[in-house]
PDB file of N, CA and C in Angstrom:
ATOM      1  N   MET A   1     -18.639 -15.460  -8.730  1.00  0.00           N
ATOM      2  CA  MET A   1     -17.214 -15.592  -8.400  1.00  0.00           C
ATOM      3  C   MET A   1     -16.601 -16.731  -9.202  1.00  0.00           C
ATOM      4  N   PRO A   2     -15.398 -16.528  -9.683  1.00  0.00           N
ATOM      5  CA  PRO A   2     -14.775 -17.543 -10.516  1.00  0.00           C
ATOM      6  C   PRO A   2     -14.173 -18.674  -9.702  1.00  0.00           C
ATOM      7  N   GLY A   3     -14.631 -19.887  -9.979  1.00  0.00           N
ATOM      8  CA  GLY A   3     -14.015 -21.077  -9.380  1.00  0.00           C
ATOM      9  C   GLY A   3     -14.021 -21.091  -7.865  1.00  0.00           C
ATOM     10  N   ASN A   4     -13.073 -21.812  -7.296  1.00  0.00           N
ATOM     11  CA  ASN A   4     -12.943 -21.885  -5.853  1.00  0.00           C
ATOM     12  C   ASN A   4     -11.995 -20.789  -5.380  1.00  0.00           C
ATOM     13  N   VAL A   5     -12.561 -19.785  -4.736  1.00  0.00           N
ATOM     14  CA  VAL A   5     -11.765 -18.672  -4.250  1.00  0.00           C
ATOM     15  C   VAL A   5     -11.802 -18.714  -2.731  1.00  0.00           C
ATOM     16  N   SER A   6     -10.635 -18.528  -2.111  1.00  0.00           N
ATOM     17  CA  SER A   6     -10.594 -18.573  -0.653  1.00  0.00           C
ATOM     18  C   SER A   6     -11.387 -17.415  -0.065  1.00  0.00           C
ATOM     19  N   LYS A   7     -11.826 -17.560   1.185  1.00  0.00           N
ATOM     20  CA  LYS A   7     -12.643 -16.524   1.811  1.00  0.00           C
ATOM     21  C   LYS A   7     -11.873 -15.216   1.962  1.00  0.00           C
ATOM     22  N   ASN A   8     -10.532 -15.289   2.049  1.00  0.00           N
ATOM     23  CA  ASN A   8      -9.745 -14.073   2.188  1.00  0.00           C
ATOM     24  C   ASN A   8      -9.572 -13.337   0.871  1.00  0.00           C
ATOM     25  N   ALA A   9      -9.790 -14.019  -0.238  1.00  0.00           N
ATOM     26  CA  ALA A   9      -9.610 -13.410  -1.549  1.00  0.00           C
ATOM     27  C   ALA A   9     -10.914 -12.813  -2.080  1.00  0.00           C
ATOM     28  N   LYS A  10     -12.006 -12.929  -1.337  1.00  0.00           N
ATOM     29  CA  LYS A  10     -13.302 -12.408  -1.783  1.00  0.00           C
ATOM     30  C   LYS A  10     -13.386 -10.921  -1.484  1.00  0.00           C
ATOM     31  N   ARG A  11     -12.721 -10.137  -2.332  1.00  0.00           N
ATOM     32  CA  ARG A  11     -12.726  -8.691  -2.145  1.00  0.00           C
ATOM     33  C   ARG A  11     -13.261  -8.028  -3.395  1.00  0.00           C
ATOM     34  N   GLU A  12     -13.981  -6.926  -3.210  1.00  0.00           N
ATOM     35  CA  GLU A  12     -14.579  -6.233  -4.343  1.00  0.00           C
ATOM     36  C   GLU A  12     -13.516  -5.566  -5.190  1.00  0.00           C
ATOM     37  N   GLY A  13     -12.345  -5.384  -4.664  1.00  0.00           N
ATOM     38  CA  GLY A  13     -11.273  -4.661  -5.329  1.00  0.00           C
ATOM     39  C   GLY A  13     -10.530  -3.914  -4.242  1.00  0.00           C
ATOM     40  N   ALA A  14      -9.260  -3.720  -4.434  1.00  0.00           N
ATOM     41  CA  ALA A  14      -8.452  -3.075  -3.398  1.00  0.00           C
ATOM     42  C   ALA A  14      -8.917  -1.645  -3.200  1.00  0.00           C
ATOM     43  N   LYS A  15      -9.038  -1.243  -1.955  1.00  0.00           N
ATOM     44  CA  LYS A  15      -9.401   0.127  -1.628  1.00  0.00           C
ATOM     45  C   LYS A  15      -8.197   1.018  -1.915  1.00  0.00           C
ATOM     46  N   VAL A  16      -8.441   2.130  -2.575  1.00  0.00           N
ATOM     47  CA  VAL A  16      -7.363   3.069  -2.882  1.00  0.00           C
ATOM     48  C   VAL A  16      -7.251   4.046  -1.728  1.00  0.00           C
ATOM     49  N   LEU A  17      -6.108   4.041  -1.056  1.00  0.00           N
ATOM     50  CA  LEU A  17      -5.885   4.965   0.043  1.00  0.00           C
ATOM     51  C   LEU A  17      -5.387   6.284  -0.521  1.00  0.00           C
ATOM     52  N   THR A  18      -5.894   7.397   0.024  1.00  0.00           N
ATOM     53  CA  THR A  18      -5.444   8.703  -0.433  1.00  0.00           C
ATOM     54  C   THR A  18      -4.739   9.410   0.706  1.00  0.00           C
ATOM     55  N   SER A  19      -3.665  10.101   0.377  1.00  0.00           N
ATOM     56  CA  SER A  19      -2.886  10.803   1.385  1.00  0.00           C
ATOM     57  C   SER A  19      -3.492  12.175   1.652  1.00  0.00           C
ATOM     58  N   ARG A  20      -2.953  12.876   2.634  1.00  0.00           N
ATOM     59  CA  ARG A  20      -3.458  14.214   2.956  1.00  0.00           C
ATOM     60  C   ARG A  20      -3.116  15.228   1.875  1.00  0.00           C
ATOM     61  N   TRP A  21      -2.213  14.860   0.945  1.00  0.00           N
ATOM     62  CA  TRP A  21      -1.867  15.740  -0.178  1.00  0.00           C
ATOM     63  C   TRP A  21      -2.707  15.433  -1.405  1.00  0.00           C
ATOM     64  N   GLY A  22      -3.558  14.430  -1.299  1.00  0.00           N
ATOM     65  CA  GLY A  22      -4.472  14.115  -2.398  1.00  0.00           C
ATOM     66  C   GLY A  22      -3.995  13.040  -3.349  1.00  0.00           C
ATOM     67  N   GLY A  23      -2.813  12.501  -3.137  1.00  0.00           N
ATOM     68  CA  GLY A  23      -2.302  11.449  -4.020  1.00  0.00           C
ATOM     69  C   GLY A  23      -2.628  10.067  -3.484  1.00  0.00           C
ATOM     70  N   ALA A  24      -2.487   9.069  -4.340  1.00  0.00           N
ATOM     71  CA  ALA A  24      -2.711   7.685  -3.928  1.00  0.00           C
ATOM     72  C   ALA A  24      -1.501   7.182  -3.151  1.00  0.00           C
ATOM     73  N   ILE A  25      -1.762   6.327  -2.165  1.00  0.00           N
ATOM     74  CA  ILE A  25      -0.683   5.754  -1.360  1.00  0.00           C
ATOM     75  C   ILE A  25      -0.389   4.352  -1.886  1.00  0.00           C
ATOM     76  N   LYS A  26       0.870   4.094  -2.199  1.00  0.00           N
ATOM     77  CA  LYS A  26       1.315   2.773  -2.648  1.00  0.00           C
ATOM     78  C   LYS A  26       2.313   2.225  -1.634  1.00  0.00           C
ATOM     79  N   MET A  27       2.290   0.906  -1.450  1.00  0.00           N
ATOM     80  CA  MET A  27       3.257   0.260  -0.570  1.00  0.00           C
ATOM     81  C   MET A  27       4.411  -0.256  -1.420  1.00  0.00           C
ATOM     82  N   LYS A  28       5.628  -0.046  -0.941  1.00  0.00           N
ATOM     83  CA  LYS A  28       6.828  -0.520  -1.637  1.00  0.00           C
ATOM     84  C   LYS A  28       7.658  -1.352  -0.664  1.00  0.00           C
ATOM     85  N   SER A  29       8.481  -2.235  -1.219  1.00  0.00           N
ATOM     86  CA  SER A  29       9.382  -3.052  -0.425  1.00  0.00           C
ATOM     87  C   SER A  29      10.791  -2.916  -0.980  1.00  0.00           C
ATOM     88  N   VAL A  30      11.765  -2.782  -0.082  1.00  0.00           N
ATOM     89  CA  VAL A  30      13.160  -2.646  -0.479  1.00  0.00           C
ATOM     90  C   VAL A  30      13.983  -3.634   0.334  1.00  0.00           C
ATOM     91  N   PHE A  31      14.873  -4.353  -0.345  1.00  0.00           N
ATOM     92  CA  PHE A  31      15.758  -5.288   0.346  1.00  0.00           C
ATOM     93  C   PHE A  31      17.094  -4.595   0.577  1.00  0.00           C
ATOM     94  N   GLU A  32      17.399  -4.289   1.857  1.00  0.00           N
ATOM     95  CA  GLU A  32      18.670  -3.633   2.172  1.00  0.00           C
ATOM     96  C   GLU A  32      19.209  -4.166   3.486  1.00  0.00           C
ATOM     97  N   ASN A  33      20.513  -4.298   3.560  1.00  0.00           N
ATOM     98  CA  ASN A  33      21.207  -4.811   4.743  1.00  0.00           C
ATOM     99  C   ASN A  33      20.677  -6.177   5.179  1.00  0.00           C
ATOM    100  N   GLY A  34      20.298  -6.994   4.218  1.00  0.00           N
ATOM    101  CA  GLY A  34      19.814  -8.336   4.529  1.00  0.00           C
ATOM    102  C   GLY A  34      18.414  -8.373   5.102  1.00  0.00           C
ATOM    103  N   LYS A  35      17.688  -7.261   5.037  1.00  0.00           N
ATOM    104  CA  LYS A  35      16.327  -7.212   5.561  1.00  0.00           C
ATOM    105  C   LYS A  35      15.389  -6.646   4.502  1.00  0.00           C
ATOM    106  N   LEU A  36      14.137  -7.087   4.553  1.00  0.00           N
ATOM    107  CA  LEU A  36      13.120  -6.587   3.650  1.00  0.00           C
ATOM    108  C   LEU A  36      12.348  -5.499   4.380  1.00  0.00           C
ATOM    109  N   ARG A  37      12.442  -4.287   3.884  1.00  0.00           N
ATOM    110  CA  ARG A  37      11.775  -3.156   4.533  1.00  0.00           C
ATOM    111  C   ARG A  37      10.592  -2.706   3.683  1.00  0.00           C
ATOM    112  N   HIS A  38       9.447  -2.498   4.340  1.00  0.00           N
ATOM    113  CA  HIS A  38       8.232  -2.042   3.675  1.00  0.00           C
ATOM    114  C   HIS A  38       8.003  -0.583   4.048  1.00  0.00           C
ATOM    115  N   PHE A  39       7.573   0.204   3.077  1.00  0.00           N
ATOM    116  CA  PHE A  39       7.223   1.580   3.382  1.00  0.00           C
ATOM    117  C   PHE A  39       6.147   2.058   2.420  1.00  0.00           C
ATOM    118  N   ALA A  40       5.452   3.110   2.849  1.00  0.00           N
ATOM    119  CA  ALA A  40       4.386   3.689   2.041  1.00  0.00           C
ATOM    120  C   ALA A  40       4.918   4.935   1.359  1.00  0.00           C
ATOM    121  N   ILE A  41       4.466   5.170   0.132  1.00  0.00           N
ATOM    122  CA  ILE A  41       4.895   6.353  -0.609  1.00  0.00           C
ATOM    123  C   ILE A  41       3.673   7.012  -1.241  1.00  0.00           C
ATOM    124  N   CYS A  42       3.614   8.337  -1.143  1.00  0.00           N
ATOM    125  CA  CYS A  42       2.551   9.108  -1.772  1.00  0.00           C
ATOM    126  C   CYS A  42       2.969   9.391  -3.206  1.00  0.00           C
ATOM    127  N   GLU A  43       2.101   9.040  -4.171  1.00  0.00           N
ATOM    128  CA  GLU A  43       2.460   9.208  -5.579  1.00  0.00           C
ATOM    129  C   GLU A  43       2.479  10.675  -6.003  1.00  0.00           C
ATOM    130  N   LYS A  44       1.693  11.513  -5.357  1.00  0.00           N
ATOM    131  CA  LYS A  44       1.614  12.912  -5.763  1.00  0.00           C
ATOM    132  C   LYS A  44       2.778  13.737  -5.215  1.00  0.00           C
ATOM    133  N   SER A  45       3.036  13.631  -3.897  1.00  0.00           N
ATOM    134  CA  SER A  45       4.062  14.469  -3.271  1.00  0.00           C
ATOM    135  C   SER A  45       5.411  13.768  -3.147  1.00  0.00           C
ATOM    136  N   GLY A  46       5.421  12.428  -3.222  1.00  0.00           N
ATOM    137  CA  GLY A  46       6.670  11.692  -3.080  1.00  0.00           C
ATOM    138  C   GLY A  46       7.090  11.461  -1.641  1.00  0.00           C
ATOM    139  N   ASN A  47       6.242  11.832  -0.684  1.00  0.00           N
ATOM    140  CA  ASN A  47       6.568  11.617   0.726  1.00  0.00           C
ATOM    141  C   ASN A  47       6.512  10.130   1.055  1.00  0.00           C
ATOM    142  N   THR A  48       7.391   9.710   1.966  1.00  0.00           N
ATOM    143  CA  THR A  48       7.407   8.313   2.390  1.00  0.00           C
ATOM    144  C   THR A  48       7.204   8.231   3.892  1.00  0.00           C
ATOM    145  N   ALA A  49       6.669   7.098   4.338  1.00  0.00           N
ATOM    146  CA  ALA A  49       6.467   6.835   5.751  1.00  0.00           C
ATOM    147  C   ALA A  49       6.509   5.337   5.961  1.00  0.00           C
ATOM    148  N   ARG A  50       6.691   4.922   7.217  1.00  0.00           N
ATOM    149  CA  ARG A  50       6.779   3.511   7.518  1.00  0.00           C
ATOM    150  C   ARG A  50       5.409   2.833   7.365  1.00  0.00           C
ATOM    151  N   LYS A  51       4.350   3.550   7.711  1.00  0.00           N
ATOM    152  CA  LYS A  51       2.998   3.015   7.605  1.00  0.00           C
ATOM    153  C   LYS A  51       2.158   3.938   6.722  1.00  0.00           C
ATOM    154  N   ALA A  52       1.196   3.366   6.018  1.00  0.00           N
ATOM    155  CA  ALA A  52       0.310   4.166   5.178  1.00  0.00           C
ATOM    156  C   ALA A  52      -0.498   5.145   6.023  1.00  0.00           C
ATOM    157  N   LYS A  53      -0.793   4.768   7.251  1.00  0.00           N
ATOM    158  CA  LYS A  53      -1.592   5.611   8.145  1.00  0.00           C
ATOM    159  C   LYS A  53      -0.888   6.932   8.454  1.00  0.00           C
ATOM    160  N   ASP A  54       0.449   6.924   8.427  1.00  0.00           N
ATOM    161  CA  ASP A  54       1.197   8.136   8.734  1.00  0.00           C
ATOM    162  C   ASP A  54       1.066   9.197   7.632  1.00  0.00           C
ATOM    163  N   LEU A  55       0.664   8.795   6.423  1.00  0.00           N
ATOM    164  CA  LEU A  55       0.509   9.728   5.322  1.00  0.00           C
ATOM    165  C   LEU A  55      -0.908  10.263   5.209  1.00  0.00           C
ATOM    166  N   MET A  56      -1.837   9.715   5.982  1.00  0.00           N
ATOM    167  CA  MET A  56      -3.244  10.101   5.874  1.00  0.00           C
ATOM    168  C   MET A  56      -3.572  11.263   6.790  1.00  0.00           C
TER     169      MET A  56
END
């Protein structure tokens, strides 16, 4: 491991979540109406949901 890495940063690599349509799930953030909203989007079908779990 390189240098001093915090215990929370010791990950083998981000797990790629796959949706029920077979595409990768990415998290996006949008700033609207003075609030930061996070949502998940399927790269293959373009479907969006509030949580990544809803696309699985």
